[in-house]
Amino acid sequence: MSSFWEKVDEELSFRGIPRKELANKAGFPDSYISKGIARKSVPSADLALRIAHSLNVTLEYLLDMETAADGCSLPEKEKTLFHKYSPLINFLESSSEHDREVMGQLMNLLFSVR
């Protein structure tokens, strides 16, 4: 189980974002990450939420507490898939209905070519 700050650091590495960029965006000194990893600490609730929003992930993910609708922990495969595809899901969610329809048609065309 990773600590909050380890999850943040993993997410930054995954996305290729420097620590300093997240720190500037969420409003905290970038040294908090290395100190937090060393101490295995969790930041204040408001900072944790700003970090989650800045990374476009859930606070539950950063706290390693993701659960399914029935309250059970998500299987590791589902966590991995969610983590891997959450940027795409967020992109689709922020797109217009028309754009989602067009992207769906393009995907259908791509899959029919296989």
PDB file of N, CA and C in Angstrom:
ATOM      1  N   MET A   1       0.848  -1.187   0.000  1.00  0.00           N
ATOM      2  CA  MET A   1       0.000   0.000   0.000  1.00  0.00           C
ATOM      3  C   MET A   1       0.890   1.245   0.000  1.00  0.00           C
ATOM      4  N   SER A   2       0.643   2.121  -0.939  1.00  0.00           N
ATOM      5  CA  SER A   2       1.423   3.346  -1.068  1.00  0.00           C
ATOM      6  C   SER A   2       0.854   4.437  -0.182  1.00  0.00           C
ATOM      7  N   SER A   3       1.743   5.309   0.289  1.00  0.00           N
ATOM      8  CA  SER A   3       1.281   6.463   1.054  1.00  0.00           C
ATOM      9  C   SER A   3       0.687   7.493   0.091  1.00  0.00           C
ATOM     10  N   PHE A   4      -0.007   8.468   0.643  1.00  0.00           N
ATOM     11  CA  PHE A   4      -0.614   9.533  -0.160  1.00  0.00           C
ATOM     12  C   PHE A   4       0.419  10.154  -1.085  1.00  0.00           C
ATOM     13  N   TRP A   5       1.548  10.581  -0.517  1.00  0.00           N
ATOM     14  CA  TRP A   5       2.556  11.288  -1.310  1.00  0.00           C
ATOM     15  C   TRP A   5       3.227  10.366  -2.319  1.00  0.00           C
ATOM     16  N   GLU A   6       3.371   9.084  -1.993  1.00  0.00           N
ATOM     17  CA  GLU A   6       3.914   8.132  -2.972  1.00  0.00           C
ATOM     18  C   GLU A   6       2.964   8.006  -4.159  1.00  0.00           C
ATOM     19  N   LYS A   7       1.650   7.969  -3.876  1.00  0.00           N
ATOM     20  CA  LYS A   7       0.663   7.899  -4.964  1.00  0.00           C
ATOM     21  C   LYS A   7       0.742   9.166  -5.821  1.00  0.00           C
ATOM     22  N   VAL A   8       0.898  10.317  -5.169  1.00  0.00           N
ATOM     23  CA  VAL A   8       1.038  11.576  -5.914  1.00  0.00           C
ATOM     24  C   VAL A   8       2.265  11.504  -6.808  1.00  0.00           C
ATOM     25  N   ASP A   9       3.382  11.049  -6.255  1.00  0.00           N
ATOM     26  CA  ASP A   9       4.626  10.961  -7.022  1.00  0.00           C
ATOM     27  C   ASP A   9       4.490   9.965  -8.177  1.00  0.00           C
ATOM     28  N   GLU A  10       3.822   8.831  -7.943  1.00  0.00           N
ATOM     29  CA  GLU A  10       3.582   7.848  -9.006  1.00  0.00           C
ATOM     30  C   GLU A  10       2.746   8.468 -10.122  1.00  0.00           C
ATOM     31  N   GLU A  11       1.731   9.214  -9.740  1.00  0.00           N
ATOM     32  CA  GLU A  11       0.855   9.853 -10.728  1.00  0.00           C
ATOM     33  C   GLU A  11       1.627  10.890 -11.536  1.00  0.00           C
ATOM     34  N   LEU A  12       2.473  11.666 -10.873  1.00  0.00           N
ATOM     35  CA  LEU A  12       3.295  12.645 -11.575  1.00  0.00           C
ATOM     36  C   LEU A  12       4.220  11.961 -12.578  1.00  0.00           C
ATOM     37  N   SER A  13       4.847  10.878 -12.164  1.00  0.00           N
ATOM     38  CA  SER A  13       5.736  10.132 -13.061  1.00  0.00           C
ATOM     39  C   SER A  13       4.960   9.585 -14.249  1.00  0.00           C
ATOM     40  N   PHE A  14       3.783   9.004 -13.973  1.00  0.00           N
ATOM     41  CA  PHE A  14       2.944   8.424 -15.013  1.00  0.00           C
ATOM     42  C   PHE A  14       2.575   9.471 -16.058  1.00  0.00           C
ATOM     43  N   ARG A  15       2.277  10.675 -15.598  1.00  0.00           N
ATOM     44  CA  ARG A  15       1.844  11.746 -16.499  1.00  0.00           C
ATOM     45  C   ARG A  15       2.997  12.593 -17.036  1.00  0.00           C
ATOM     46  N   GLY A  16       4.205  12.390 -16.516  1.00  0.00           N
ATOM     47  CA  GLY A  16       5.346  13.184 -16.954  1.00  0.00           C
ATOM     48  C   GLY A  16       5.279  14.628 -16.496  1.00  0.00           C
ATOM     49  N   ILE A  17       4.704  14.843 -15.313  1.00  0.00           N
ATOM     50  CA  ILE A  17       4.554  16.194 -14.762  1.00  0.00           C
ATOM     51  C   ILE A  17       5.597  16.393 -13.670  1.00  0.00           C
ATOM     52  N   PRO A  18       6.357  17.476 -13.720  1.00  0.00           N
ATOM     53  CA  PRO A  18       7.325  17.740 -12.653  1.00  0.00           C
ATOM     54  C   PRO A  18       6.624  18.085 -11.338  1.00  0.00           C
ATOM     55  N   ARG A  19       7.262  17.749 -10.231  1.00  0.00           N
ATOM     56  CA  ARG A  19       6.712  18.056  -8.900  1.00  0.00           C
ATOM     57  C   ARG A  19       6.408  19.540  -8.761  1.00  0.00           C
ATOM     58  N   LYS A  20       7.314  20.360  -9.263  1.00  0.00           N
ATOM     59  CA  LYS A  20       7.171  21.812  -9.128  1.00  0.00           C
ATOM     60  C   LYS A  20       5.895  22.322  -9.811  1.00  0.00           C
ATOM     61  N   GLU A  21       5.549  21.724 -10.951  1.00  0.00           N
ATOM     62  CA  GLU A  21       4.337  22.140 -11.666  1.00  0.00           C
ATOM     63  C   GLU A  21       3.085  21.857 -10.834  1.00  0.00           C
ATOM     64  N   LEU A  22       3.020  20.670 -10.232  1.00  0.00           N
ATOM     65  CA  LEU A  22       1.885  20.350  -9.375  1.00  0.00           C
ATOM     66  C   LEU A  22       1.861  21.277  -8.168  1.00  0.00           C
ATOM     67  N   ALA A  23       3.018  21.496  -7.570  1.00  0.00           N
ATOM     68  CA  ALA A  23       3.095  22.365  -6.387  1.00  0.00           C
ATOM     69  C   ALA A  23       2.579  23.764  -6.709  1.00  0.00           C
ATOM     70  N   ASN A  24       2.983  24.302  -7.844  1.00  0.00           N
ATOM     71  CA  ASN A  24       2.508  25.638  -8.241  1.00  0.00           C
ATOM     72  C   ASN A  24       1.005  25.635  -8.475  1.00  0.00           C
ATOM     73  N   LYS A  25       0.507  24.607  -9.145  1.00  0.00           N
ATOM     74  CA  LYS A  25      -0.917  24.531  -9.469  1.00  0.00           C
ATOM     75  C   LYS A  25      -1.789  24.369  -8.224  1.00  0.00           C
ATOM     76  N   ALA A  26      -1.320  23.541  -7.278  1.00  0.00           N
ATOM     77  CA  ALA A  26      -2.119  23.254  -6.076  1.00  0.00           C
ATOM     78  C   ALA A  26      -1.784  24.174  -4.910  1.00  0.00           C
ATOM     79  N   GLY A  27      -0.722  24.962  -5.035  1.00  0.00           N
ATOM     80  CA  GLY A  27      -0.391  25.941  -4.009  1.00  0.00           C
ATOM     81  C   GLY A  27       0.306  25.400  -2.779  1.00  0.00           C
ATOM     82  N   PHE A  28       1.391  24.665  -2.982  1.00  0.00           N
ATOM     83  CA  PHE A  28       2.199  24.180  -1.859  1.00  0.00           C
ATOM     84  C   PHE A  28       3.653  24.094  -2.311  1.00  0.00           C
ATOM     85  N   PRO A  29       4.608  24.116  -1.368  1.00  0.00           N
ATOM     86  CA  PRO A  29       6.019  23.990  -1.741  1.00  0.00           C
ATOM     87  C   PRO A  29       6.309  22.587  -2.280  1.00  0.00           C
ATOM     88  N   ASP A  30       7.093  22.493  -3.353  1.00  0.00           N
ATOM     89  CA  ASP A  30       7.369  21.180  -3.943  1.00  0.00           C
ATOM     90  C   ASP A  30       8.139  20.263  -2.990  1.00  0.00           C
ATOM     91  N   SER A  31       8.769  20.813  -1.969  1.00  0.00           N
ATOM     92  CA  SER A  31       9.480  19.990  -0.986  1.00  0.00           C
ATOM     93  C   SER A  31       8.520  19.143  -0.150  1.00  0.00           C
ATOM     94  N   TYR A  32       7.214  19.509  -0.135  1.00  0.00           N
ATOM     95  CA  TYR A  32       6.221  18.731   0.614  1.00  0.00           C
ATOM     96  C   TYR A  32       6.178  17.282   0.141  1.00  0.00           C
ATOM     97  N   ILE A  33       6.406  17.053  -1.144  1.00  0.00           N
ATOM     98  CA  ILE A  33       6.300  15.698  -1.688  1.00  0.00           C
ATOM     99  C   ILE A  33       7.375  14.797  -1.103  1.00  0.00           C
ATOM    100  N   SER A  34       8.639  15.222  -1.179  1.00  0.00           N
ATOM    101  CA  SER A  34       9.711  14.373  -0.639  1.00  0.00           C
ATOM    102  C   SER A  34       9.605  14.239   0.878  1.00  0.00           C
ATOM    103  N   LYS A  35       9.214  15.324   1.560  1.00  0.00           N
ATOM    104  CA  LYS A  35       9.035  15.247   3.017  1.00  0.00           C
ATOM    105  C   LYS A  35       7.870  14.323   3.369  1.00  0.00           C
ATOM    106  N   GLY A  36       6.781  14.423   2.603  1.00  0.00           N
ATOM    107  CA  GLY A  36       5.618  13.575   2.841  1.00  0.00           C
ATOM    108  C   GLY A  36       5.913  12.108   2.613  1.00  0.00           C
ATOM    109  N   ILE A  37       6.712  11.808   1.571  1.00  0.00           N
ATOM    110  CA  ILE A  37       7.099  10.420   1.299  1.00  0.00           C
ATOM    111  C   ILE A  37       7.935   9.894   2.456  1.00  0.00           C
ATOM    112  N   ALA A  38       8.898  10.692   2.900  1.00  0.00           N
ATOM    113  CA  ALA A  38       9.766  10.262   4.001  1.00  0.00           C
ATOM    114  C   ALA A  38       8.977  10.030   5.286  1.00  0.00           C
ATOM    115  N   ARG A  39       7.997  10.882   5.548  1.00  0.00           N
ATOM    116  CA  ARG A  39       7.222  10.789   6.790  1.00  0.00           C
ATOM    117  C   ARG A  39       5.986   9.893   6.665  1.00  0.00           C
ATOM    118  N   LYS A  40       5.662   9.501   5.414  1.00  0.00           N
ATOM    119  CA  LYS A  40       4.431   8.742   5.138  1.00  0.00           C
ATOM    120  C   LYS A  40       3.209   9.470   5.700  1.00  0.00           C
ATOM    121  N   SER A  41       3.204  10.781   5.470  1.00  0.00           N
ATOM    122  CA  SER A  41       2.138  11.628   6.012  1.00  0.00           C
ATOM    123  C   SER A  41       1.051  11.887   4.971  1.00  0.00           C
ATOM    124  N   VAL A  42      -0.024  12.488   5.437  1.00  0.00           N
ATOM    125  CA  VAL A  42      -1.129  12.918   4.581  1.00  0.00           C
ATOM    126  C   VAL A  42      -1.308  14.410   4.820  1.00  0.00           C
ATOM    127  N   PRO A  43      -1.470  15.190   3.747  1.00  0.00           N
ATOM    128  CA  PRO A  43      -1.647  16.633   3.942  1.00  0.00           C
ATOM    129  C   PRO A  43      -3.025  16.950   4.519  1.00  0.00           C
ATOM    130  N   SER A  44      -3.242  18.214   4.802  1.00  0.00           N
ATOM    131  CA  SER A  44      -4.556  18.650   5.279  1.00  0.00           C
ATOM    132  C   SER A  44      -5.599  18.309   4.220  1.00  0.00           C
ATOM    133  N   ALA A  45      -6.839  18.226   4.645  1.00  0.00           N
ATOM    134  CA  ALA A  45      -7.924  17.834   3.738  1.00  0.00           C
ATOM    135  C   ALA A  45      -8.042  18.781   2.546  1.00  0.00           C
ATOM    136  N   ASP A  46      -7.933  20.088   2.789  1.00  0.00           N
ATOM    137  CA  ASP A  46      -8.086  21.027   1.677  1.00  0.00           C
ATOM    138  C   ASP A  46      -6.943  20.904   0.671  1.00  0.00           C
ATOM    139  N   LEU A  47      -5.716  20.699   1.163  1.00  0.00           N
ATOM    140  CA  LEU A  47      -4.585  20.529   0.245  1.00  0.00           C
ATOM    141  C   LEU A  47      -4.701  19.203  -0.507  1.00  0.00           C
ATOM    142  N   ALA A  48      -5.081  18.155   0.190  1.00  0.00           N
ATOM    143  CA  ALA A  48      -5.244  16.849  -0.463  1.00  0.00           C
ATOM    144  C   ALA A  48      -6.268  16.949  -1.589  1.00  0.00           C
ATOM    145  N   LEU A  49      -7.349  17.660  -1.349  1.00  0.00           N
ATOM    146  CA  LEU A  49      -8.392  17.822  -2.359  1.00  0.00           C
ATOM    147  C   LEU A  49      -7.893  18.656  -3.538  1.00  0.00           C
ATOM    148  N   ARG A  50      -7.138  19.726  -3.255  1.00  0.00           N
ATOM    149  CA  ARG A  50      -6.572  20.536  -4.348  1.00  0.00           C
ATOM    150  C   ARG A  50      -5.618  19.712  -5.194  1.00  0.00           C
ATOM    151  N   ILE A  51      -4.835  18.858  -4.550  1.00  0.00           N
ATOM    152  CA  ILE A  51      -3.894  18.003  -5.283  1.00  0.00           C
ATOM    153  C   ILE A  51      -4.660  17.019  -6.168  1.00  0.00           C
ATOM    154  N   ALA A  52      -5.689  16.380  -5.604  1.00  0.00           N
ATOM    155  CA  ALA A  52      -6.489  15.420  -6.376  1.00  0.00           C
ATOM    156  C   ALA A  52      -7.112  16.112  -7.589  1.00  0.00           C
ATOM    157  N   HIS A  53      -7.674  17.314  -7.385  1.00  0.00           N
ATOM    158  CA  HIS A  53      -8.279  18.054  -8.491  1.00  0.00           C
ATOM    159  C   HIS A  53      -7.227  18.432  -9.529  1.00  0.00           C
ATOM    160  N   SER A  54      -6.056  18.852  -9.078  1.00  0.00           N
ATOM    161  CA  SER A  54      -4.988  19.245  -9.998  1.00  0.00           C
ATOM    162  C   SER A  54      -4.518  18.073 -10.850  1.00  0.00           C
ATOM    163  N   LEU A  55      -4.531  16.874 -10.256  1.00  0.00           N
ATOM    164  CA  LEU A  55      -4.117  15.670 -10.986  1.00  0.00           C
ATOM    165  C   LEU A  55      -5.275  15.006 -11.721  1.00  0.00           C
ATOM    166  N   ASN A  56      -6.485  15.523 -11.502  1.00  0.00           N
ATOM    167  CA  ASN A  56      -7.683  14.970 -12.125  1.00  0.00           C
ATOM    168  C   ASN A  56      -7.892  13.499 -11.746  1.00  0.00           C
ATOM    169  N   VAL A  57      -7.680  13.210 -10.464  1.00  0.00           N
ATOM    170  CA  VAL A  57      -7.935  11.885  -9.904  1.00  0.00           C
ATOM    171  C   VAL A  57      -8.800  12.064  -8.659  1.00  0.00           C
ATOM    172  N   THR A  58      -9.333  10.971  -8.158  1.00  0.00           N
ATOM    173  CA  THR A  58     -10.147  11.065  -6.952  1.00  0.00           C
ATOM    174  C   THR A  58      -9.260  11.102  -5.714  1.00  0.00           C
ATOM    175  N   LEU A  59      -9.791  11.705  -4.683  1.00  0.00           N
ATOM    176  CA  LEU A  59      -9.088  11.716  -3.406  1.00  0.00           C
ATOM    177  C   LEU A  59      -8.962  10.293  -2.879  1.00  0.00           C
ATOM    178  N   GLU A  60      -9.991   9.482  -3.111  1.00  0.00           N
ATOM    179  CA  GLU A  60      -9.946   8.078  -2.688  1.00  0.00           C
ATOM    180  C   GLU A  60      -8.790   7.347  -3.340  1.00  0.00           C
ATOM    181  N   TYR A  61      -8.518   7.648  -4.596  1.00  0.00           N
ATOM    182  CA  TYR A  61      -7.388   7.018  -5.289  1.00  0.00           C
ATOM    183  C   TYR A  61      -6.075   7.377  -4.598  1.00  0.00           C
ATOM    184  N   LEU A  62      -5.881   8.662  -4.304  1.00  0.00           N
ATOM    185  CA  LEU A  62      -4.634   9.086  -3.667  1.00  0.00           C
ATOM    186  C   LEU A  62      -4.499   8.534  -2.248  1.00  0.00           C
ATOM    187  N   LEU A  63      -5.636   8.318  -1.596  1.00  0.00           N
ATOM    188  CA  LEU A  63      -5.615   7.749  -0.243  1.00  0.00           C
ATOM    189  C   LEU A  63      -5.625   6.223  -0.271  1.00  0.00           C
ATOM    190  N   ASP A  64      -5.595   5.657  -1.492  1.00  0.00           N
ATOM    191  CA  ASP A  64      -5.595   4.203  -1.692  1.00  0.00           C
ATOM    192  C   ASP A  64      -6.835   3.574  -1.063  1.00  0.00           C
ATOM    193  N   MET A  65      -7.983   4.243  -1.262  1.00  0.00           N
ATOM    194  CA  MET A  65      -9.237   3.793  -0.654  1.00  0.00           C
ATOM    195  C   MET A  65     -10.350   3.622  -1.675  1.00  0.00           C
ATOM    196  N   GLU A  66     -10.018   3.421  -2.958  1.00  0.00           N
ATOM    197  CA  GLU A  66     -11.061   3.282  -3.971  1.00  0.00           C
ATOM    198  C   GLU A  66     -11.928   2.077  -3.662  1.00  0.00           C
ATOM    199  N   THR A  67     -13.228   2.288  -3.758  1.00  0.00           N
ATOM    200  CA  THR A  67     -14.172   1.198  -3.524  1.00  0.00           C
ATOM    201  C   THR A  67     -15.211   1.161  -4.625  1.00  0.00           C
ATOM    202  N   ALA A  68     -15.765  -0.014  -4.819  1.00  0.00           N
ATOM    203  CA  ALA A  68     -16.842  -0.178  -5.781  1.00  0.00           C
ATOM    204  C   ALA A  68     -18.135   0.348  -5.168  1.00  0.00           C
ATOM    205  N   ALA A  69     -19.198   0.392  -5.951  1.00  0.00           N
ATOM    206  CA  ALA A  69     -20.482   0.904  -5.475  1.00  0.00           C
ATOM    207  C   ALA A  69     -21.005   0.119  -4.273  1.00  0.00           C
ATOM    208  N   ASP A  70     -20.662  -1.161  -4.191  1.00  0.00           N
ATOM    209  CA  ASP A  70     -21.141  -1.977  -3.068  1.00  0.00           C
ATOM    210  C   ASP A  70     -20.266  -1.847  -1.830  1.00  0.00           C
ATOM    211  N   GLY A  71     -19.261  -0.959  -1.879  1.00  0.00           N
ATOM    212  CA  GLY A  71     -18.402  -0.735  -0.725  1.00  0.00           C
ATOM    213  C   GLY A  71     -17.202  -1.657  -0.660  1.00  0.00           C
ATOM    214  N   CYS A  72     -17.087  -2.600  -1.573  1.00  0.00           N
ATOM    215  CA  CYS A  72     -15.944  -3.524  -1.583  1.00  0.00           C
ATOM    216  C   CYS A  72     -14.797  -2.881  -2.344  1.00  0.00           C
ATOM    217  N   SER A  73     -13.598  -3.263  -2.008  1.00  0.00           N
ATOM    218  CA  SER A  73     -12.435  -2.746  -2.717  1.00  0.00           C
ATOM    219  C   SER A  73     -12.461  -3.195  -4.166  1.00  0.00           C
ATOM    220  N   LEU A  74     -12.043  -2.304  -5.053  1.00  0.00           N
ATOM    221  CA  LEU A  74     -11.958  -2.672  -6.456  1.00  0.00           C
ATOM    222  C   LEU A  74     -10.818  -3.662  -6.661  1.00  0.00           C
ATOM    223  N   PRO A  75     -11.009  -4.645  -7.534  1.00  0.00           N
ATOM    224  CA  PRO A  75      -9.903  -5.545  -7.852  1.00  0.00           C
ATOM    225  C   PRO A  75      -8.752  -4.765  -8.467  1.00  0.00           C
ATOM    226  N   GLU A  76      -7.555  -5.263  -8.303  1.00  0.00           N
ATOM    227  CA  GLU A  76      -6.355  -4.565  -8.784  1.00  0.00           C
ATOM    228  C   GLU A  76      -6.430  -4.271 -10.280  1.00  0.00           C
ATOM    229  N   LYS A  77      -6.949  -5.214 -11.072  1.00  0.00           N
ATOM    230  CA  LYS A  77      -7.052  -5.001 -12.523  1.00  0.00           C
ATOM    231  C   LYS A  77      -7.938  -3.805 -12.830  1.00  0.00           C
ATOM    232  N   GLU A  78      -9.073  -3.690 -12.122  1.00  0.00           N
ATOM    233  CA  GLU A  78      -9.972  -2.563 -12.357  1.00  0.00           C
ATOM    234  C   GLU A  78      -9.339  -1.246 -11.933  1.00  0.00           C
ATOM    235  N   LYS A  79      -8.592  -1.257 -10.830  1.00  0.00           N
ATOM    236  CA  LYS A  79      -7.888  -0.045 -10.405  1.00  0.00           C
ATOM    237  C   LYS A  79      -6.890   0.385 -11.477  1.00  0.00           C
ATOM    238  N   THR A  80      -6.157  -0.598 -12.006  1.00  0.00           N
ATOM    239  CA  THR A  80      -5.157  -0.309 -13.032  1.00  0.00           C
ATOM    240  C   THR A  80      -5.811   0.263 -14.279  1.00  0.00           C
ATOM    241  N   LEU A  81      -6.914  -0.349 -14.714  1.00  0.00           N
ATOM    242  CA  LEU A  81      -7.619   0.141 -15.896  1.00  0.00           C
ATOM    243  C   LEU A  81      -8.184   1.534 -15.661  1.00  0.00           C
ATOM    244  N   PHE A  82      -8.783   1.743 -14.489  1.00  0.00           N
ATOM    245  CA  PHE A  82      -9.323   3.061 -14.170  1.00  0.00           C
ATOM    246  C   PHE A  82      -8.207   4.107 -14.215  1.00  0.00           C
ATOM    247  N   HIS A  83      -7.101   3.799 -13.581  1.00  0.00           N
ATOM    248  CA  HIS A  83      -5.977   4.729 -13.541  1.00  0.00           C
ATOM    249  C   HIS A  83      -5.455   5.011 -14.952  1.00  0.00           C
ATOM    250  N   LYS A  84      -5.338   3.957 -15.733  1.00  0.00           N
ATOM    251  CA  LYS A  84      -4.788   4.078 -17.081  1.00  0.00           C
ATOM    252  C   LYS A  84      -5.691   4.917 -17.987  1.00  0.00           C
ATOM    253  N   TYR A  85      -6.999   4.711 -17.888  1.00  0.00           N
ATOM    254  CA  TYR A  85      -7.918   5.344 -18.819  1.00  0.00           C
ATOM    255  C   TYR A  85      -8.668   6.546 -18.258  1.00  0.00           C
ATOM    256  N   SER A  86      -8.403   6.939 -17.021  1.00  0.00           N
ATOM    257  CA  SER A  86      -9.125   8.079 -16.458  1.00  0.00           C
ATOM    258  C   SER A  86      -8.896   9.377 -17.242  1.00  0.00           C
ATOM    259  N   PRO A  87      -7.695   9.640 -17.793  1.00  0.00           N
ATOM    260  CA  PRO A  87      -7.560  10.864 -18.604  1.00  0.00           C
ATOM    261  C   PRO A  87      -8.483  10.836 -19.831  1.00  0.00           C
ATOM    262  N   LEU A  88      -8.632   9.668 -20.466  1.00  0.00           N
ATOM    263  CA  LEU A  88      -9.521   9.553 -21.621  1.00  0.00           C
ATOM    264  C   LEU A  88     -10.975   9.745 -21.201  1.00  0.00           C
ATOM    265  N   ILE A  89     -11.356   9.128 -20.102  1.00  0.00           N
ATOM    266  CA  ILE A  89     -12.726   9.274 -19.598  1.00  0.00           C
ATOM    267  C   ILE A  89     -13.011  10.735 -19.278  1.00  0.00           C
ATOM    268  N   ASN A  90     -12.083  11.395 -18.604  1.00  0.00           N
ATOM    269  CA  ASN A  90     -12.271  12.814 -18.265  1.00  0.00           C
ATOM    270  C   ASN A  90     -12.367  13.677 -19.514  1.00  0.00           C
ATOM    271  N   PHE A  91     -11.554  13.348 -20.532  1.00  0.00           N
ATOM    272  CA  PHE A  91     -11.611  14.080 -21.797  1.00  0.00           C
ATOM    273  C   PHE A  91     -12.983  13.916 -22.443  1.00  0.00           C
ATOM    274  N   LEU A  92     -13.462  12.674 -22.481  1.00  0.00           N
ATOM    275  CA  LEU A  92     -14.770  12.419 -23.079  1.00  0.00           C
ATOM    276  C   LEU A  92     -15.876  13.121 -22.305  1.00  0.00           C
ATOM    277  N   GLU A  93     -15.780  13.103 -20.977  1.00  0.00           N
ATOM    278  CA  GLU A  93     -16.792  13.760 -20.142  1.00  0.00           C
ATOM    279  C   GLU A  93     -16.841  15.264 -20.393  1.00  0.00           C
ATOM    280  N   SER A  94     -15.693  15.860 -20.697  1.00  0.00           N
ATOM    281  CA  SER A  94     -15.656  17.310 -20.901  1.00  0.00           C
ATOM    282  C   SER A  94     -15.976  17.703 -22.347  1.00  0.00           C
ATOM    283  N   SER A  95     -16.125  16.718 -23.234  1.00  0.00           N
ATOM    284  CA  SER A  95     -16.447  16.987 -24.639  1.00  0.00           C
ATOM    285  C   SER A  95     -17.948  17.193 -24.813  1.00  0.00           C
ATOM    286  N   SER A  96     -18.293  17.862 -25.886  1.00  0.00           N
ATOM    287  CA  SER A  96     -19.713  18.063 -26.178  1.00  0.00           C
ATOM    288  C   SER A  96     -20.340  16.746 -26.630  1.00  0.00           C
ATOM    289  N   GLU A  97     -21.650  16.680 -26.547  1.00  0.00           N
ATOM    290  CA  GLU A  97     -22.376  15.478 -26.979  1.00  0.00           C
ATOM    291  C   GLU A  97     -22.063  15.174 -28.444  1.00  0.00           C
ATOM    292  N   HIS A  98     -22.033  16.203 -29.268  1.00  0.00           N
ATOM    293  CA  HIS A  98     -21.729  16.029 -30.690  1.00  0.00           C
ATOM    294  C   HIS A  98     -20.334  15.434 -30.884  1.00  0.00           C
ATOM    295  N   ASP A  99     -19.355  15.989 -30.175  1.00  0.00           N
ATOM    296  CA  ASP A  99     -17.986  15.484 -30.298  1.00  0.00           C
ATOM    297  C   ASP A  99     -17.887  14.026 -29.839  1.00  0.00           C
ATOM    298  N   ARG A 100     -18.613  13.670 -28.774  1.00  0.00           N
ATOM    299  CA  ARG A 100     -18.612  12.274 -28.305  1.00  0.00           C
ATOM    300  C   ARG A 100     -19.219  11.357 -29.360  1.00  0.00           C
ATOM    301  N   GLU A 101     -20.280  11.814 -30.023  1.00  0.00           N
ATOM    302  CA  GLU A 101     -20.888  11.014 -31.082  1.00  0.00           C
ATOM    303  C   GLU A 101     -19.908  10.803 -32.231  1.00  0.00           C
ATOM    304  N   VAL A 102     -19.228  11.864 -32.634  1.00  0.00           N
ATOM    305  CA  VAL A 102     -18.253  11.770 -33.725  1.00  0.00           C
ATOM    306  C   VAL A 102     -17.117  10.817 -33.340  1.00  0.00           C
ATOM    307  N   MET A 103     -16.611  10.946 -32.101  1.00  0.00           N
ATOM    308  CA  MET A 103     -15.534  10.045 -31.651  1.00  0.00           C
ATOM    309  C   MET A 103     -16.019   8.601 -31.612  1.00  0.00           C
ATOM    310  N   GLY A 104     -17.267   8.392 -31.202  1.00  0.00           N
ATOM    311  CA  GLY A 104     -17.831   7.041 -31.190  1.00  0.00           C
ATOM    312  C   GLY A 104     -17.909   6.461 -32.589  1.00  0.00           C
ATOM    313  N   GLN A 105     -18.321   7.275 -33.549  1.00  0.00           N
ATOM    314  CA  GLN A 105     -18.380   6.820 -34.942  1.00  0.00           C
ATOM    315  C   GLN A 105     -16.988   6.480 -35.470  1.00  0.00           C
ATOM    316  N   LEU A 106     -16.006   7.314 -35.124  1.00  0.00           N
ATOM    317  CA  LEU A 106     -14.628   7.042 -35.551  1.00  0.00           C
ATOM    318  C   LEU A 106     -14.119   5.730 -34.957  1.00  0.00           C
ATOM    319  N   MET A 107     -14.410   5.492 -33.671  1.00  0.00           N
ATOM    320  CA  MET A 107     -13.973   4.240 -33.038  1.00  0.00           C
ATOM    321  C   MET A 107     -14.646   3.046 -33.695  1.00  0.00           C
ATOM    322  N   ASN A 108     -15.934   3.171 -34.004  1.00  0.00           N
ATOM    323  CA  ASN A 108     -16.640   2.080 -34.691  1.00  0.00           C
ATOM    324  C   ASN A 108     -15.997   1.782 -36.029  1.00  0.00           C
ATOM    325  N   LEU A 109     -15.633   2.835 -36.779  1.00  0.00           N
ATOM    326  CA  LEU A 109     -14.955   2.639 -38.048  1.00  0.00           C
ATOM    327  C   LEU A 109     -13.604   1.952 -37.872  1.00  0.00           C
ATOM    328  N   LEU A 110     -12.842   2.406 -36.891  1.00  0.00           N
ATOM    329  CA  LEU A 110     -11.531   1.803 -36.632  1.00  0.00           C
ATOM    330  C   LEU A 110     -11.648   0.323 -36.274  1.00  0.00           C
ATOM    331  N   PHE A 111     -12.620  -0.019 -35.430  1.00  0.00           N
ATOM    332  CA  PHE A 111     -12.765  -1.410 -35.005  1.00  0.00           C
ATOM    333  C   PHE A 111     -13.321  -2.278 -36.130  1.00  0.00           C
ATOM    334  N   SER A 112     -14.087  -1.706 -37.049  1.00  0.00           N
ATOM    335  CA  SER A 112     -14.632  -2.501 -38.144  1.00  0.00           C
ATOM    336  C   SER A 112     -13.571  -2.804 -39.199  1.00  0.00           C
ATOM    337  N   VAL A 113     -12.489  -2.021 -39.236  1.00  0.00           N
ATOM    338  CA  VAL A 113     -11.404  -2.227 -40.200  1.00  0.00           C
ATOM    339  C   VAL A 113     -10.532  -3.405 -39.818  1.00  0.00           C
ATOM    340  N   ARG A 114     -10.463  -3.726 -38.539  1.00  0.00           N
ATOM    341  CA  ARG A 114      -9.616  -4.823 -38.065  1.00  0.00           C
ATOM    342  C   ARG A 114      -9.925  -6.041 -38.800  1.00  0.00           C
TER     343      ARG A 114
END
